[in-house]
Structures are given as structure tokens and as C-alpha cells.
PDB file of all heavy atoms in Angstrom:
ATOM      1  N   THR A   1      14.109  -1.639 -10.969  1.00  0.00           N
ATOM      2  CA  THR A   1      14.452  -1.293  -9.533  1.00  0.00           C
ATOM      3  C   THR A   1      13.171  -1.104  -8.786  1.00  0.00           C
ATOM      4  O   THR A   1      12.309  -0.354  -9.112  1.00  0.00           O
ATOM      5  CB  THR A   1      15.346  -0.018  -9.578  1.00  0.00           C
ATOM      6  OG1 THR A   1      16.536  -0.272 -10.231  1.00  0.00           O
ATOM      7  CG2 THR A   1      15.798   0.290  -8.117  1.00  0.00           C
ATOM      8  N   SER A   2      13.060  -1.783  -7.688  1.00  0.00           N
ATOM      9  CA  SER A   2      11.877  -1.866  -6.878  1.00  0.00           C
ATOM     10  C   SER A   2      11.561  -0.676  -6.019  1.00  0.00           C
ATOM     11  O   SER A   2      10.428  -0.451  -5.650  1.00  0.00           O
ATOM     12  CB  SER A   2      11.809  -3.111  -6.050  1.00  0.00           C
ATOM     13  OG  SER A   2      12.030  -4.240  -6.807  1.00  0.00           O
ATOM     14  N   GLY A   3      12.612   0.073  -5.767  1.00  0.00           N
ATOM     15  CA  GLY A   3      12.386   1.261  -4.801  1.00  0.00           C
ATOM     16  C   GLY A   3      11.402   2.222  -5.377  1.00  0.00           C
ATOM     17  O   GLY A   3      10.870   2.997  -4.521  1.00  0.00           O
ATOM     18  N   ARG A   4      11.260   2.271  -6.671  1.00  0.00           N
ATOM     19  CA  ARG A   4      10.305   3.321  -7.238  1.00  0.00           C
ATOM     20  C   ARG A   4       8.837   2.883  -6.841  1.00  0.00           C
ATOM     21  O   ARG A   4       7.891   3.704  -6.918  1.00  0.00           O
ATOM     22  CB  ARG A   4      10.398   3.338  -8.701  1.00  0.00           C
ATOM     23  CG  ARG A   4      11.694   3.981  -9.104  1.00  0.00           C
ATOM     24  CD  ARG A   4      11.712   4.381 -10.644  1.00  0.00           C
ATOM     25  NE  ARG A   4      11.407   3.338 -11.530  1.00  0.00           N
ATOM     26  CZ  ARG A   4      12.290   2.553 -12.123  1.00  0.00           C
ATOM     27  NH1 ARG A   4      13.529   2.722 -11.935  1.00  0.00           N
ATOM     28  NH2 ARG A   4      11.853   1.626 -13.015  1.00  0.00           N
ATOM     29  N   MET A   5       8.555   1.694  -6.453  1.00  0.00           N
ATOM     30  CA  MET A   5       7.241   1.238  -5.976  1.00  0.00           C
ATOM     31  C   MET A   5       7.056   1.294  -4.497  1.00  0.00           C
ATOM     32  O   MET A   5       5.959   0.985  -4.041  1.00  0.00           O
ATOM     33  CB  MET A   5       6.949  -0.200  -6.433  1.00  0.00           C
ATOM     34  CG  MET A   5       6.564  -0.297  -7.866  1.00  0.00           C
ATOM     35  SD  MET A   5       7.543   0.364  -9.276  1.00  0.00           S
ATOM     36  CE  MET A   5       8.847  -0.674  -9.253  1.00  0.00           C
ATOM     37  N   ASP A   6       8.153   1.690  -3.817  1.00  0.00           N
ATOM     38  CA  ASP A   6       8.044   1.725  -2.227  1.00  0.00           C
ATOM     39  C   ASP A   6       6.986   2.479  -1.708  1.00  0.00           C
ATOM     40  O   ASP A   6       6.450   2.283  -0.662  1.00  0.00           O
ATOM     41  CB  ASP A   6       9.402   1.986  -1.619  1.00  0.00           C
ATOM     42  CG  ASP A   6      10.438   0.915  -1.740  1.00  0.00           C
ATOM     43  OD1 ASP A   6      10.053  -0.227  -2.236  1.00  0.00           O
ATOM     44  OD2 ASP A   6      11.435   1.039  -1.260  1.00  0.00           O
ATOM     45  N   ALA A   7       6.686   3.649  -2.355  1.00  0.00           N
ATOM     46  CA  ALA A   7       5.545   4.557  -1.870  1.00  0.00           C
ATOM     47  C   ALA A   7       4.176   3.808  -1.954  1.00  0.00           C
ATOM     48  O   ALA A   7       3.156   4.231  -1.256  1.00  0.00           O
ATOM     49  CB  ALA A   7       5.512   5.829  -2.632  1.00  0.00           C
ATOM     50  N   TYR A   8       3.993   2.934  -2.904  1.00  0.00           N
ATOM     51  CA  TYR A   8       2.733   2.246  -3.153  1.00  0.00           C
ATOM     52  C   TYR A   8       2.487   0.893  -2.593  1.00  0.00           C
ATOM     53  O   TYR A   8       1.496   0.453  -2.276  1.00  0.00           O
ATOM     54  CB  TYR A   8       2.554   2.301  -4.653  1.00  0.00           C
ATOM     55  CG  TYR A   8       2.790   3.591  -5.344  1.00  0.00           C
ATOM     56  CD1 TYR A   8       3.889   3.724  -6.129  1.00  0.00           C
ATOM     57  CD2 TYR A   8       1.903   4.696  -5.119  1.00  0.00           C
ATOM     58  CE1 TYR A   8       4.164   4.948  -6.698  1.00  0.00           C
ATOM     59  CE2 TYR A   8       2.194   5.906  -5.799  1.00  0.00           C
ATOM     60  CZ  TYR A   8       3.391   6.062  -6.514  1.00  0.00           C
ATOM     61  OH  TYR A   8       3.690   7.246  -7.114  1.00  0.00           O
ATOM     62  N   SER A   9       3.639   0.166  -2.508  1.00  0.00           N
ATOM     63  CA  SER A   9       3.586  -1.301  -2.154  1.00  0.00           C
ATOM     64  C   SER A   9       2.909  -1.546  -0.748  1.00  0.00           C
ATOM     65  O   SER A   9       2.027  -2.379  -0.589  1.00  0.00           O
ATOM     66  CB  SER A   9       4.920  -1.935  -2.149  1.00  0.00           C
ATOM     67  OG  SER A   9       5.344  -1.983  -3.449  1.00  0.00           O
ATOM     68  N   PRO A  10       3.212  -0.648   0.287  1.00  0.00           N
ATOM     69  CA  PRO A  10       2.448  -0.915   1.507  1.00  0.00           C
ATOM     70  C   PRO A  10       1.147  -0.898   1.562  1.00  0.00           C
ATOM     71  O   PRO A  10       0.305  -1.686   2.097  1.00  0.00           O
ATOM     72  CB  PRO A  10       3.108   0.007   2.511  1.00  0.00           C
ATOM     73  CG  PRO A  10       4.531   0.392   1.918  1.00  0.00           C
ATOM     74  CD  PRO A  10       4.339   0.301   0.403  1.00  0.00           C
ATOM     75  N   ILE A  11       0.480   0.052   0.731  1.00  0.00           N
ATOM     76  CA  ILE A  11      -0.868   0.294   0.586  1.00  0.00           C
ATOM     77  C   ILE A  11      -1.599  -0.983  -0.087  1.00  0.00           C
ATOM     78  O   ILE A  11      -2.490  -1.532   0.253  1.00  0.00           O
ATOM     79  CB  ILE A  11      -1.274   1.558  -0.159  1.00  0.00           C
ATOM     80  CG1 ILE A  11      -0.710   2.807   0.553  1.00  0.00           C
ATOM     81  CG2 ILE A  11      -2.691   1.642  -0.536  1.00  0.00           C
ATOM     82  CD1 ILE A  11      -0.553   4.066  -0.273  1.00  0.00           C
ATOM     83  N   LEU A  12      -0.951  -1.448  -1.234  1.00  0.00           N
ATOM     84  CA  LEU A  12      -1.465  -2.683  -1.915  1.00  0.00           C
ATOM     85  C   LEU A  12      -1.338  -3.931  -1.153  1.00  0.00           C
ATOM     86  O   LEU A  12      -2.314  -4.665  -1.211  1.00  0.00           O
ATOM     87  CB  LEU A  12      -0.699  -2.834  -3.270  1.00  0.00           C
ATOM     88  CG  LEU A  12      -0.797  -1.717  -4.198  1.00  0.00           C
ATOM     89  CD1 LEU A  12       0.014  -1.885  -5.520  1.00  0.00           C
ATOM     90  CD2 LEU A  12      -2.298  -1.355  -4.444  1.00  0.00           C
ATOM     91  N   ILE A  13      -0.371  -4.055  -0.354  1.00  0.00           N
ATOM     92  CA  ILE A  13      -0.223  -5.224   0.607  1.00  0.00           C
ATOM     93  C   ILE A  13      -1.348  -5.038   1.715  1.00  0.00           C
ATOM     94  O   ILE A  13      -2.036  -6.169   1.813  1.00  0.00           O
ATOM     95  CB  ILE A  13       1.184  -5.225   1.301  1.00  0.00           C
ATOM     96  CG1 ILE A  13       2.262  -5.509   0.238  1.00  0.00           C
ATOM     97  CG2 ILE A  13       1.176  -6.308   2.452  1.00  0.00           C
ATOM     98  CD1 ILE A  13       3.657  -5.282   0.813  1.00  0.00           C
ATOM     99  N   GLU A  14      -1.519  -3.970   2.275  1.00  0.00           N
ATOM    100  CA  GLU A  14      -2.566  -3.887   3.393  1.00  0.00           C
ATOM    101  C   GLU A  14      -3.916  -3.900   2.902  1.00  0.00           C
ATOM    102  O   GLU A  14      -4.888  -4.595   3.316  1.00  0.00           O
ATOM    103  CB  GLU A  14      -2.318  -2.657   4.162  1.00  0.00           C
ATOM    104  CG  GLU A  14      -3.291  -2.406   5.311  1.00  0.00           C
ATOM    105  CD  GLU A  14      -3.031  -1.157   6.090  1.00  0.00           C
ATOM    106  OE1 GLU A  14      -2.105  -0.488   6.006  1.00  0.00           O
ATOM    107  OE2 GLU A  14      -3.894  -0.951   6.983  1.00  0.00           O
ATOM    108  N   LYS A  15      -4.178  -3.062   1.889  1.00  0.00           N
ATOM    109  CA  LYS A  15      -5.587  -2.867   1.480  1.00  0.00           C
ATOM    110  C   LYS A  15      -6.158  -3.952   0.481  1.00  0.00           C
ATOM    111  O   LYS A  15      -7.268  -4.115   0.351  1.00  0.00           O
ATOM    112  CB  LYS A  15      -5.767  -1.414   0.757  1.00  0.00           C
ATOM    113  CG  LYS A  15      -5.386  -0.271   1.556  1.00  0.00           C
ATOM    114  CD  LYS A  15      -6.494   0.000   2.702  1.00  0.00           C
ATOM    115  CE  LYS A  15      -6.078   1.300   3.450  1.00  0.00           C
ATOM    116  NZ  LYS A  15      -6.769   1.271   4.777  1.00  0.00           N
ATOM    117  N   CYS A  16      -5.178  -4.535  -0.281  1.00  0.00           N
ATOM    118  CA  CYS A  16      -5.619  -5.401  -1.411  1.00  0.00           C
ATOM    119  C   CYS A  16      -5.244  -6.779  -1.128  1.00  0.00           C
ATOM    120  O   CYS A  16      -5.582  -7.714  -1.836  1.00  0.00           O
ATOM    121  CB  CYS A  16      -4.998  -5.006  -2.704  1.00  0.00           C
ATOM    122  SG  CYS A  16      -5.453  -3.307  -3.218  1.00  0.00           S
ATOM    123  N   GLY A  17      -4.339  -7.069  -0.173  1.00  0.00           N
ATOM    124  CA  GLY A  17      -3.843  -8.532   0.130  1.00  0.00           C
ATOM    125  C   GLY A  17      -2.750  -9.011  -0.841  1.00  0.00           C
ATOM    126  O   GLY A  17      -2.610 -10.218  -1.100  1.00  0.00           O
ATOM    127  N   LEU A  18      -2.077  -8.009  -1.495  1.00  0.00           N
ATOM    128  CA  LEU A  18      -0.966  -8.405  -2.340  1.00  0.00           C
ATOM    129  C   LEU A  18       0.057  -9.171  -1.477  1.00  0.00           C
ATOM    130  O   LEU A  18       0.387  -8.865  -0.432  1.00  0.00           O
ATOM    131  CB  LEU A  18      -0.308  -7.172  -2.902  1.00  0.00           C
ATOM    132  CG  LEU A  18       0.935  -7.419  -3.802  1.00  0.00           C
ATOM    133  CD1 LEU A  18       0.547  -7.960  -5.202  1.00  0.00           C
ATOM    134  CD2 LEU A  18       1.711  -6.113  -4.029  1.00  0.00           C
ATOM    135  N   THR A  19       0.506 -10.329  -2.090  1.00  0.00           N
ATOM    136  CA  THR A  19       1.331 -11.247  -1.237  1.00  0.00           C
ATOM    137  C   THR A  19       2.697 -11.498  -1.880  1.00  0.00           C
ATOM    138  O   THR A  19       3.573 -12.003  -1.156  1.00  0.00           O
ATOM    139  CB  THR A  19       0.752 -12.657  -1.035  1.00  0.00           C
ATOM    140  OG1 THR A  19       0.264 -13.116  -2.319  1.00  0.00           O
ATOM    141  CG2 THR A  19      -0.438 -12.564  -0.066  1.00  0.00           C
ATOM    142  N   GLY A  20       2.869 -10.993  -2.971  1.00  0.00           N
ATOM    143  CA  GLY A  20       4.229 -11.169  -3.598  1.00  0.00           C
ATOM    144  C   GLY A  20       4.655 -10.046  -4.554  1.00  0.00           C
ATOM    145  O   GLY A  20       3.753  -9.514  -5.222  1.00  0.00           O
ATOM    146  N   MET A  21       5.896  -9.798  -4.523  1.00  0.00           N
ATOM    147  CA  MET A  21       6.482  -8.774  -5.526  1.00  0.00           C
ATOM    148  C   MET A  21       7.777  -9.399  -6.017  1.00  0.00           C
ATOM    149  O   MET A  21       8.434 -10.048  -5.360  1.00  0.00           O
ATOM    150  CB  MET A  21       6.727  -7.469  -4.700  1.00  0.00           C
ATOM    151  CG  MET A  21       5.405  -6.807  -4.136  1.00  0.00           C
ATOM    152  SD  MET A  21       5.833  -5.696  -2.789  1.00  0.00           S
ATOM    153  CE  MET A  21       6.276  -6.785  -1.447  1.00  0.00           C
ATOM    154  N   ILE A  22       7.966  -8.992  -7.292  1.00  0.00           N
ATOM    155  CA  ILE A  22       9.271  -9.371  -8.073  1.00  0.00           C
ATOM    156  C   ILE A  22       9.933  -8.169  -8.504  1.00  0.00           C
ATOM    157  O   ILE A  22       9.311  -7.352  -9.230  1.00  0.00           O
ATOM    158  CB  ILE A  22       9.006 -10.439  -9.110  1.00  0.00           C
ATOM    159  CG1 ILE A  22       8.145 -11.606  -8.672  1.00  0.00           C
ATOM    160  CG2 ILE A  22      10.272 -10.851  -9.736  1.00  0.00           C
ATOM    161  CD1 ILE A  22       7.588 -12.424  -9.776  1.00  0.00           C
ATOM    162  N   GLY A  23      11.182  -8.033  -8.258  1.00  0.00           N
ATOM    163  CA  GLY A  23      12.026  -6.927  -8.826  1.00  0.00           C
ATOM    164  C   GLY A  23      13.441  -7.129  -8.515  1.00  0.00           C
ATOM    165  O   GLY A  23      14.001  -8.308  -8.336  1.00  0.00           O
ATOM    166  N   LYS A  24      14.216  -5.961  -8.405  1.00  0.00           N
ATOM    167  CA  LYS A  24      15.557  -6.045  -8.054  1.00  0.00           C
ATOM    168  C   LYS A  24      15.942  -4.842  -7.049  1.00  0.00           C
ATOM    169  O   LYS A  24      15.303  -3.772  -7.165  1.00  0.00           O
ATOM    170  CB  LYS A  24      16.469  -6.021  -9.242  1.00  0.00           C
ATOM    171  CG  LYS A  24      16.467  -4.742 -10.015  1.00  0.00           C
ATOM    172  CD  LYS A  24      17.470  -4.798 -11.228  1.00  0.00           C
ATOM    173  CE  LYS A  24      17.398  -3.412 -11.980  1.00  0.00           C
ATOM    174  NZ  LYS A  24      18.332  -3.393 -13.109  1.00  0.00           N
ATOM    175  N   GLY A  25      16.901  -5.060  -6.261  1.00  0.00           N
ATOM    176  CA  GLY A  25      17.243  -4.031  -5.266  1.00  0.00           C
ATOM    177  C   GLY A  25      16.374  -4.161  -3.981  1.00  0.00           C
ATOM    178  O   GLY A  25      15.423  -4.930  -3.918  1.00  0.00           O
ATOM    179  N   GLY A  26      16.912  -3.452  -2.910  1.00  0.00           N
ATOM    180  CA  GLY A  26      16.319  -3.527  -1.701  1.00  0.00           C
ATOM    181  C   GLY A  26      14.981  -2.829  -1.615  1.00  0.00           C
ATOM    182  O   GLY A  26      14.556  -2.243  -2.596  1.00  0.00           O
ATOM    183  N   ARG A  27      14.292  -2.951  -0.497  1.00  0.00           N
ATOM    184  CA  ARG A  27      13.026  -2.315  -0.305  1.00  0.00           C
ATOM    185  C   ARG A  27      13.110  -1.501   1.020  1.00  0.00           C
ATOM    186  O   ARG A  27      13.884  -1.676   1.937  1.00  0.00           O
ATOM    187  CB  ARG A  27      11.939  -3.275  -0.013  1.00  0.00           C
ATOM    188  CG  ARG A  27      11.812  -4.405  -1.091  1.00  0.00           C
ATOM    189  CD  ARG A  27      11.544  -3.782  -2.584  1.00  0.00           C
ATOM    190  NE  ARG A  27      10.490  -2.924  -2.723  1.00  0.00           N
ATOM    191  CZ  ARG A  27       9.215  -3.293  -2.974  1.00  0.00           C
ATOM    192  NH1 ARG A  27       8.934  -4.526  -3.175  1.00  0.00           N
ATOM    193  NH2 ARG A  27       8.278  -2.327  -3.212  1.00  0.00           N
ATOM    194  N   SER A  28      12.168  -0.493   1.115  1.00  0.00           N
ATOM    195  CA  SER A  28      12.131   0.456   2.305  1.00  0.00           C
ATOM    196  C   SER A  28      11.722  -0.237   3.514  1.00  0.00           C
ATOM    197  O   SER A  28      11.018  -1.327   3.450  1.00  0.00           O
ATOM    198  CB  SER A  28      11.275   1.636   1.959  1.00  0.00           C
ATOM    199  OG  SER A  28       9.872   1.254   1.918  1.00  0.00           O
ATOM    200  N   ALA A  29      11.940   0.386   4.655  1.00  0.00           N
ATOM    201  CA  ALA A  29      11.475  -0.165   5.992  1.00  0.00           C
ATOM    202  C   ALA A  29       9.922  -0.233   5.909  1.00  0.00           C
ATOM    203  O   ALA A  29       9.442  -1.194   6.526  1.00  0.00           O
ATOM    204  CB  ALA A  29      12.003   0.702   7.076  1.00  0.00           C
ATOM    205  N   ALA A  30       9.261   0.641   5.275  1.00  0.00           N
ATOM    206  CA  ALA A  30       7.786   0.674   5.367  1.00  0.00           C
ATOM    207  C   ALA A  30       7.239  -0.463   4.588  1.00  0.00           C
ATOM    208  O   ALA A  30       6.277  -1.172   4.973  1.00  0.00           O
ATOM    209  CB  ALA A  30       7.273   1.900   4.679  1.00  0.00           C
ATOM    210  N   VAL A  31       7.865  -0.901   3.431  1.00  0.00           N
ATOM    211  CA  VAL A  31       7.519  -2.096   2.671  1.00  0.00           C
ATOM    212  C   VAL A  31       7.811  -3.331   3.498  1.00  0.00           C
ATOM    213  O   VAL A  31       6.809  -4.200   3.673  1.00  0.00           O
ATOM    214  CB  VAL A  31       8.192  -2.116   1.318  1.00  0.00           C
ATOM    215  CG1 VAL A  31       7.883  -3.491   0.608  1.00  0.00           C
ATOM    216  CG2 VAL A  31       7.806  -0.989   0.425  1.00  0.00           C
ATOM    217  N   VAL A  32       8.934  -3.377   4.121  1.00  0.00           N
ATOM    218  CA  VAL A  32       9.224  -4.690   4.882  1.00  0.00           C
ATOM    219  C   VAL A  32       8.253  -4.765   6.031  1.00  0.00           C
ATOM    220  O   VAL A  32       7.792  -5.864   6.380  1.00  0.00           O
ATOM    221  CB  VAL A  32      10.687  -4.604   5.319  1.00  0.00           C
ATOM    222  CG1 VAL A  32      11.045  -5.823   6.261  1.00  0.00           C
ATOM    223  CG2 VAL A  32      11.617  -4.581   4.147  1.00  0.00           C
ATOM    224  N   ASP A  33       7.874  -3.707   6.722  1.00  0.00           N
ATOM    225  CA  ASP A  33       7.019  -3.755   7.777  1.00  0.00           C
ATOM    226  C   ASP A  33       5.577  -4.199   7.409  1.00  0.00           C
ATOM    227  O   ASP A  33       5.043  -5.068   8.011  1.00  0.00           O
ATOM    228  CB  ASP A  33       6.826  -2.338   8.432  1.00  0.00           C
ATOM    229  CG  ASP A  33       5.856  -2.324   9.687  1.00  0.00           C
ATOM    230  OD1 ASP A  33       6.138  -3.103  10.655  1.00  0.00           O
ATOM    231  OD2 ASP A  33       4.760  -1.590   9.600  1.00  0.00           O
TER     232      ASP A  33
END
């Protein structure tokens, strides 16, 4: 379940240039933003 990574994903996307994630279930508004 991807929701457990929602607190961390926005930082990795912005600071590290992460472009893809694979999991199951929805994501938070902060991740989508």
C-alpha cells in the first residue's frame, strides 16, 4: 500500500528527481501535487 510512503514521496520527487513510483492504492494530494 503506497499511502505509507506519502509523507516521503513529495520530498524525493522534488529534491531527487524521482519520476516513477509503483504500488497499490491511492496517493495523497501532496504526492499528486
